Amino acid sequence: MAEQCTDGMPGHFRDDLLAAFPDEEVVTVRSALAELNGAGLVTLDPLIGPKLPSVHTTHALFVAADAAITGHDPIEDSVVLARLLIDDPELGHVPGLEEVAGWPRRRFNPALGLLMPLFRKGRYREVYQPDYPTLGLIVGDDEMVALRRYARDHA
């Protein structure tokens, strides 16, 4: 699921996921999804009718898989983004932050997703759109402290 992702955003899968594992029994795929769910890498919503539950990937999946898949560690990348925001809080406009980072979106979004918990509700734009975890961040004093701690703790 992470390997096929082109934008680094959590994705949604249903029975189409079975095509990726044509030699596996449905029960085996369901069991594997339950393992991923238990590890926090996906969330599952049971459905009536389909063979598989509705599968939603999480940012944790990218953290677990991206170093092997893309060669980039989202945690290290999130520290770079945190430092960019510390150096220039005006980069809270996410497309501008992406431009300064100079990374493809597939690399950028998992790193940004890791920073989202540092911003309490009302300090990030909640407009639904498919491009980024958020379109904007408000970087005030509390966020600066959180970003500095994050960068220090994950360096």
C-alpha atoms as a PDB file:
ATOM      1  CA  MET A   1       0.000   0.000   0.000  1.00  0.00           C
ATOM      2  CA  ALA A   2       2.809   2.408   0.865  1.00  0.00           C
ATOM      3  CA  GLU A   3       4.837   1.307  -2.128  1.00  0.00           C
ATOM      4  CA  GLN A   4       2.039   2.135  -4.575  1.00  0.00           C
ATOM      5  CA  CYS A   5       1.310   5.503  -2.976  1.00  0.00           C
ATOM      6  CA  THR A   6       2.301   8.435  -5.173  1.00  0.00           C
ATOM      7  CA  ASP A   7       1.494  11.382  -2.897  1.00  0.00           C
ATOM      8  CA  GLY A   8       2.409  10.282   0.637  1.00  0.00           C
ATOM      9  CA  MET A   9      -1.146  10.718   1.871  1.00  0.00           C
ATOM     10  CA  PRO A  10      -3.036   8.030   3.759  1.00  0.00           C
ATOM     11  CA  GLY A  11      -5.018   5.968   1.284  1.00  0.00           C
ATOM     12  CA  HIS A  12      -8.181   3.920   1.156  1.00  0.00           C
ATOM     13  CA  PHE A  13      -8.476   0.353  -0.094  1.00  0.00           C
ATOM     14  CA  ARG A  14     -11.224  -2.230  -0.344  1.00  0.00           C
ATOM     15  CA  ASP A  15     -11.457  -5.547  -2.158  1.00  0.00           C
ATOM     16  CA  ASP A  16      -9.206  -4.143  -4.895  1.00  0.00           C
ATOM     17  CA  LEU A  17      -6.371  -4.913  -2.483  1.00  0.00           C
ATOM     18  CA  LEU A  18      -6.906  -8.631  -3.159  1.00  0.00           C
ATOM     19  CA  ALA A  19      -5.537  -8.176  -6.702  1.00  0.00           C
ATOM     20  CA  ALA A  20      -2.131  -7.362  -5.208  1.00  0.00           C
ATOM     21  CA  PHE A  21      -2.067 -10.816  -3.576  1.00  0.00           C
ATOM     22  CA  PRO A  22      -3.597 -13.175  -6.154  1.00  0.00           C
ATOM     23  CA  ASP A  23      -1.994 -16.281  -4.649  1.00  0.00           C
ATOM     24  CA  GLU A  24      -3.264 -15.618  -1.123  1.00  0.00           C
ATOM     25  CA  GLU A  25      -6.527 -16.759   0.402  1.00  0.00           C
ATOM     26  CA  VAL A  26      -8.905 -14.006   1.515  1.00  0.00           C
ATOM     27  CA  VAL A  27      -8.590 -15.185   5.126  1.00  0.00           C
ATOM     28  CA  THR A  28      -4.796 -14.738   4.928  1.00  0.00           C
ATOM     29  CA  VAL A  29      -5.134 -11.176   3.642  1.00  0.00           C
ATOM     30  CA  ARG A  30      -7.735 -10.380   6.324  1.00  0.00           C
ATOM     31  CA  SER A  31      -5.390 -11.730   8.990  1.00  0.00           C
ATOM     32  CA  ALA A  32      -2.486  -9.665   7.659  1.00  0.00           C
ATOM     33  CA  LEU A  33      -4.680  -6.549   7.679  1.00  0.00           C
ATOM     34  CA  ALA A  34      -5.639  -7.283  11.294  1.00  0.00           C
ATOM     35  CA  GLU A  35      -1.909  -7.429  12.145  1.00  0.00           C
ATOM     36  CA  LEU A  36      -1.326  -4.089  10.417  1.00  0.00           C
ATOM     37  CA  ASN A  37      -4.302  -2.638  12.276  1.00  0.00           C
ATOM     38  CA  GLY A  38      -2.917  -3.884  15.588  1.00  0.00           C
ATOM     39  CA  ALA A  39       0.375  -2.153  14.829  1.00  0.00           C
ATOM     40  CA  GLY A  40      -1.392   1.132  13.995  1.00  0.00           C
ATOM     41  CA  LEU A  41      -0.317   1.034  10.345  1.00  0.00           C
ATOM     42  CA  VAL A  42      -3.888   0.894   9.031  1.00  0.00           C
ATOM     43  CA  THR A  43      -7.383   1.314  10.391  1.00  0.00           C
ATOM     44  CA  LEU A  44     -10.145  -1.076   9.420  1.00  0.00           C
ATOM     45  CA  ASP A  45     -13.874  -0.473   9.067  1.00  0.00           C
ATOM     46  CA  PRO A  46     -15.980  -3.623   8.703  1.00  0.00           C
ATOM     47  CA  LEU A  47     -18.352  -3.684   5.753  1.00  0.00           C
ATOM     48  CA  ILE A  48     -21.319  -5.860   4.924  1.00  0.00           C
ATOM     49  CA  GLY A  49     -20.838  -7.632   1.609  1.00  0.00           C
ATOM     50  CA  PRO A  50     -17.220  -7.074   0.532  1.00  0.00           C
ATOM     51  CA  LYS A  51     -14.599  -9.698   1.301  1.00  0.00           C
ATOM     52  CA  LEU A  52     -12.289  -7.223   3.042  1.00  0.00           C
ATOM     53  CA  PRO A  53     -12.985  -4.412   5.482  1.00  0.00           C
ATOM     54  CA  SER A  54     -12.446  -0.857   4.329  1.00  0.00           C
ATOM     55  CA  VAL A  55      -8.710  -0.243   4.824  1.00  0.00           C
ATOM     56  CA  HIS A  56      -7.290   3.209   5.589  1.00  0.00           C
ATOM     57  CA  THR A  57      -3.517   3.599   5.734  1.00  0.00           C
ATOM     58  CA  THR A  58      -1.956   5.851   8.377  1.00  0.00           C
ATOM     59  CA  HIS A  59       1.149   8.023   8.529  1.00  0.00           C
ATOM     60  CA  ALA A  60       2.643   5.317  10.746  1.00  0.00           C
ATOM     61  CA  LEU A  61       2.711   3.024   7.696  1.00  0.00           C
ATOM     62  CA  PHE A  62       4.995   5.480   5.906  1.00  0.00           C
ATOM     63  CA  VAL A  63       7.235   5.739   8.980  1.00  0.00           C
ATOM     64  CA  ALA A  64       7.530   1.956   9.080  1.00  0.00           C
ATOM     65  CA  ALA A  65       8.032   1.385   5.360  1.00  0.00           C
ATOM     66  CA  ASP A  66       9.443   4.436   3.603  1.00  0.00           C
ATOM     67  CA  ALA A  67      13.110   4.002   4.458  1.00  0.00           C
ATOM     68  CA  ALA A  68      13.024   0.653   2.657  1.00  0.00           C
ATOM     69  CA  ILE A  69      10.671   1.770  -0.120  1.00  0.00           C
ATOM     70  CA  THR A  70      11.900   5.262  -0.940  1.00  0.00           C
ATOM     71  CA  GLY A  71      15.258   5.466   0.810  1.00  0.00           C
ATOM     72  CA  HIS A  72      14.003   8.407   2.899  1.00  0.00           C
ATOM     73  CA  ASP A  73      13.149   8.301   6.590  1.00  0.00           C
ATOM     74  CA  PRO A  74      10.000  10.343   7.330  1.00  0.00           C
ATOM     75  CA  ILE A  75      11.164  10.967  10.905  1.00  0.00           C
ATOM     76  CA  GLU A  76      14.450  12.497   9.724  1.00  0.00           C
ATOM     77  CA  ASP A  77      12.538  14.449   7.080  1.00  0.00           C
ATOM     78  CA  SER A  78      10.068  15.727   9.697  1.00  0.00           C
ATOM     79  CA  VAL A  79      12.991  17.089  11.721  1.00  0.00           C
ATOM     80  CA  VAL A  80      14.153  18.994   8.632  1.00  0.00           C
ATOM     81  CA  LEU A  81      10.641  20.438   8.201  1.00  0.00           C
ATOM     82  CA  ALA A  82      10.457  21.318  11.903  1.00  0.00           C
ATOM     83  CA  ARG A  83      13.745  23.215  11.626  1.00  0.00           C
ATOM     84  CA  LEU A  84      12.533  25.044   8.519  1.00  0.00           C
ATOM     85  CA  LEU A  85       9.420  26.150  10.422  1.00  0.00           C
ATOM     86  CA  ILE A  86      11.514  27.202  13.424  1.00  0.00           C
ATOM     87  CA  ASP A  87      13.777  29.271  11.179  1.00  0.00           C
ATOM     88  CA  ASP A  88      10.871  30.827   9.276  1.00  0.00           C
ATOM     89  CA  PRO A  89       7.400  30.547  10.863  1.00  0.00           C
ATOM     90  CA  GLU A  90       5.931  32.142   7.727  1.00  0.00           C
ATOM     91  CA  LEU A  91       6.510  28.788   6.017  1.00  0.00           C
ATOM     92  CA  GLY A  92       3.312  27.651   7.718  1.00  0.00           C
ATOM     93  CA  HIS A  93       1.760  28.029   4.251  1.00  0.00           C
ATOM     94  CA  VAL A  94       2.290  24.393   3.312  1.00  0.00           C
ATOM     95  CA  PRO A  95       2.824  24.743  -0.460  1.00  0.00           C
ATOM     96  CA  GLY A  96       5.590  27.244   0.337  1.00  0.00           C
ATOM     97  CA  LEU A  97       7.134  24.859   2.855  1.00  0.00           C
ATOM     98  CA  GLU A  98       7.058  22.099   0.239  1.00  0.00           C
ATOM     99  CA  GLU A  99       8.789  24.384  -2.256  1.00  0.00           C
ATOM    100  CA  VAL A 100      11.542  25.312   0.202  1.00  0.00           C
ATOM    101  CA  ALA A 101      12.055  21.646   1.160  1.00  0.00           C
ATOM    102  CA  GLY A 102      12.379  20.835  -2.546  1.00  0.00           C
ATOM    103  CA  TRP A 103      11.069  17.305  -2.127  1.00  0.00           C
ATOM    104  CA  PRO A 104       8.526  15.413  -4.188  1.00  0.00           C
ATOM    105  CA  ARG A 105       5.132  15.243  -2.522  1.00  0.00           C
ATOM    106  CA  ARG A 106       5.552  11.512  -1.859  1.00  0.00           C
ATOM    107  CA  ARG A 107       8.431  12.378   0.481  1.00  0.00           C
ATOM    108  CA  PHE A 108       7.022  15.642   1.845  1.00  0.00           C
ATOM    109  CA  ASN A 109       3.577  14.544   3.039  1.00  0.00           C
ATOM    110  CA  PRO A 110       4.591  11.738   5.429  1.00  0.00           C
ATOM    111  CA  ALA A 111       7.069  14.089   7.126  1.00  0.00           C
ATOM    112  CA  LEU A 112       4.470  16.836   7.418  1.00  0.00           C
ATOM    113  CA  GLY A 113       1.935  14.324   8.733  1.00  0.00           C
ATOM    114  CA  LEU A 114       4.286  13.521  11.590  1.00  0.00           C
ATOM    115  CA  LEU A 115       4.324  17.189  12.633  1.00  0.00           C
ATOM    116  CA  MET A 116       0.536  17.575  12.669  1.00  0.00           C
ATOM    117  CA  PRO A 117       0.084  16.425  16.310  1.00  0.00           C
ATOM    118  CA  LEU A 118       2.276  19.349  17.396  1.00  0.00           C
ATOM    119  CA  PHE A 119      -0.446  21.769  16.279  1.00  0.00           C
ATOM    120  CA  ARG A 120      -3.625  21.846  18.331  1.00  0.00           C
ATOM    121  CA  LYS A 121      -7.022  22.283  16.721  1.00  0.00           C
ATOM    122  CA  GLY A 122      -7.399  25.776  15.350  1.00  0.00           C
ATOM    123  CA  ARG A 123      -3.675  26.083  14.645  1.00  0.00           C
ATOM    124  CA  TYR A 124      -3.867  24.299  11.278  1.00  0.00           C
ATOM    125  CA  ARG A 125      -6.237  24.592   8.336  1.00  0.00           C
ATOM    126  CA  GLU A 126      -8.911  21.930   8.430  1.00  0.00           C
ATOM    127  CA  VAL A 127     -10.144  22.393   4.887  1.00  0.00           C
ATOM    128  CA  TYR A 128     -10.486  18.987   3.252  1.00  0.00           C
ATOM    129  CA  GLN A 129      -8.344  18.710   0.153  1.00  0.00           C
ATOM    130  CA  PRO A 130      -6.384  15.792  -1.300  1.00  0.00           C
ATOM    131  CA  ASP A 131      -2.919  17.325  -1.643  1.00  0.00           C
ATOM    132  CA  TYR A 132      -1.526  17.720   1.892  1.00  0.00           C
ATOM    133  CA  PRO A 133      -2.341  16.726   5.482  1.00  0.00           C
ATOM    134  CA  THR A 134      -3.173  20.444   5.876  1.00  0.00           C
ATOM    135  CA  LEU A 135      -2.795  23.556   3.746  1.00  0.00           C
ATOM    136  CA  GLY A 136      -1.547  25.779   6.523  1.00  0.00           C
ATOM    137  CA  LEU A 137      -0.046  25.890   9.997  1.00  0.00           C
ATOM    138  CA  ILE A 138      -0.025  28.738  12.489  1.00  0.00           C
ATOM    139  CA  VAL A 139       3.398  28.759  14.119  1.00  0.00           C
ATOM    140  CA  GLY A 140       3.132  30.685  17.386  1.00  0.00           C
ATOM    141  CA  ASP A 141       5.055  30.492  20.643  1.00  0.00           C
ATOM    142  CA  ASP A 142       3.543  27.172  21.756  1.00  0.00           C
ATOM    143  CA  GLU A 143       4.213  25.600  18.373  1.00  0.00           C
ATOM    144  CA  MET A 144       7.789  26.882  18.368  1.00  0.00           C
ATOM    145  CA  VAL A 145       8.394  25.184  21.699  1.00  0.00           C
ATOM    146  CA  ALA A 146       6.823  21.952  20.414  1.00  0.00           C
ATOM    147  CA  LEU A 147       8.810  22.086  17.164  1.00  0.00           C
ATOM    148  CA  ARG A 148      12.085  22.700  19.019  1.00  0.00           C
ATOM    149  CA  ARG A 149      11.415  19.785  21.363  1.00  0.00           C
ATOM    150  CA  TYR A 150      10.461  17.559  18.470  1.00  0.00           C
ATOM    151  CA  ALA A 151      13.609  18.438  16.513  1.00  0.00           C
ATOM    152  CA  ARG A 152      15.768  17.870  19.598  1.00  0.00           C
ATOM    153  CA  ASP A 153      14.118  14.572  20.536  1.00  0.00           C
ATOM    154  CA  HIS A 154      14.199  13.116  17.015  1.00  0.00           C
ATOM    155  CA  ALA A 155      17.613  14.342  15.850  1.00  0.00           C
END
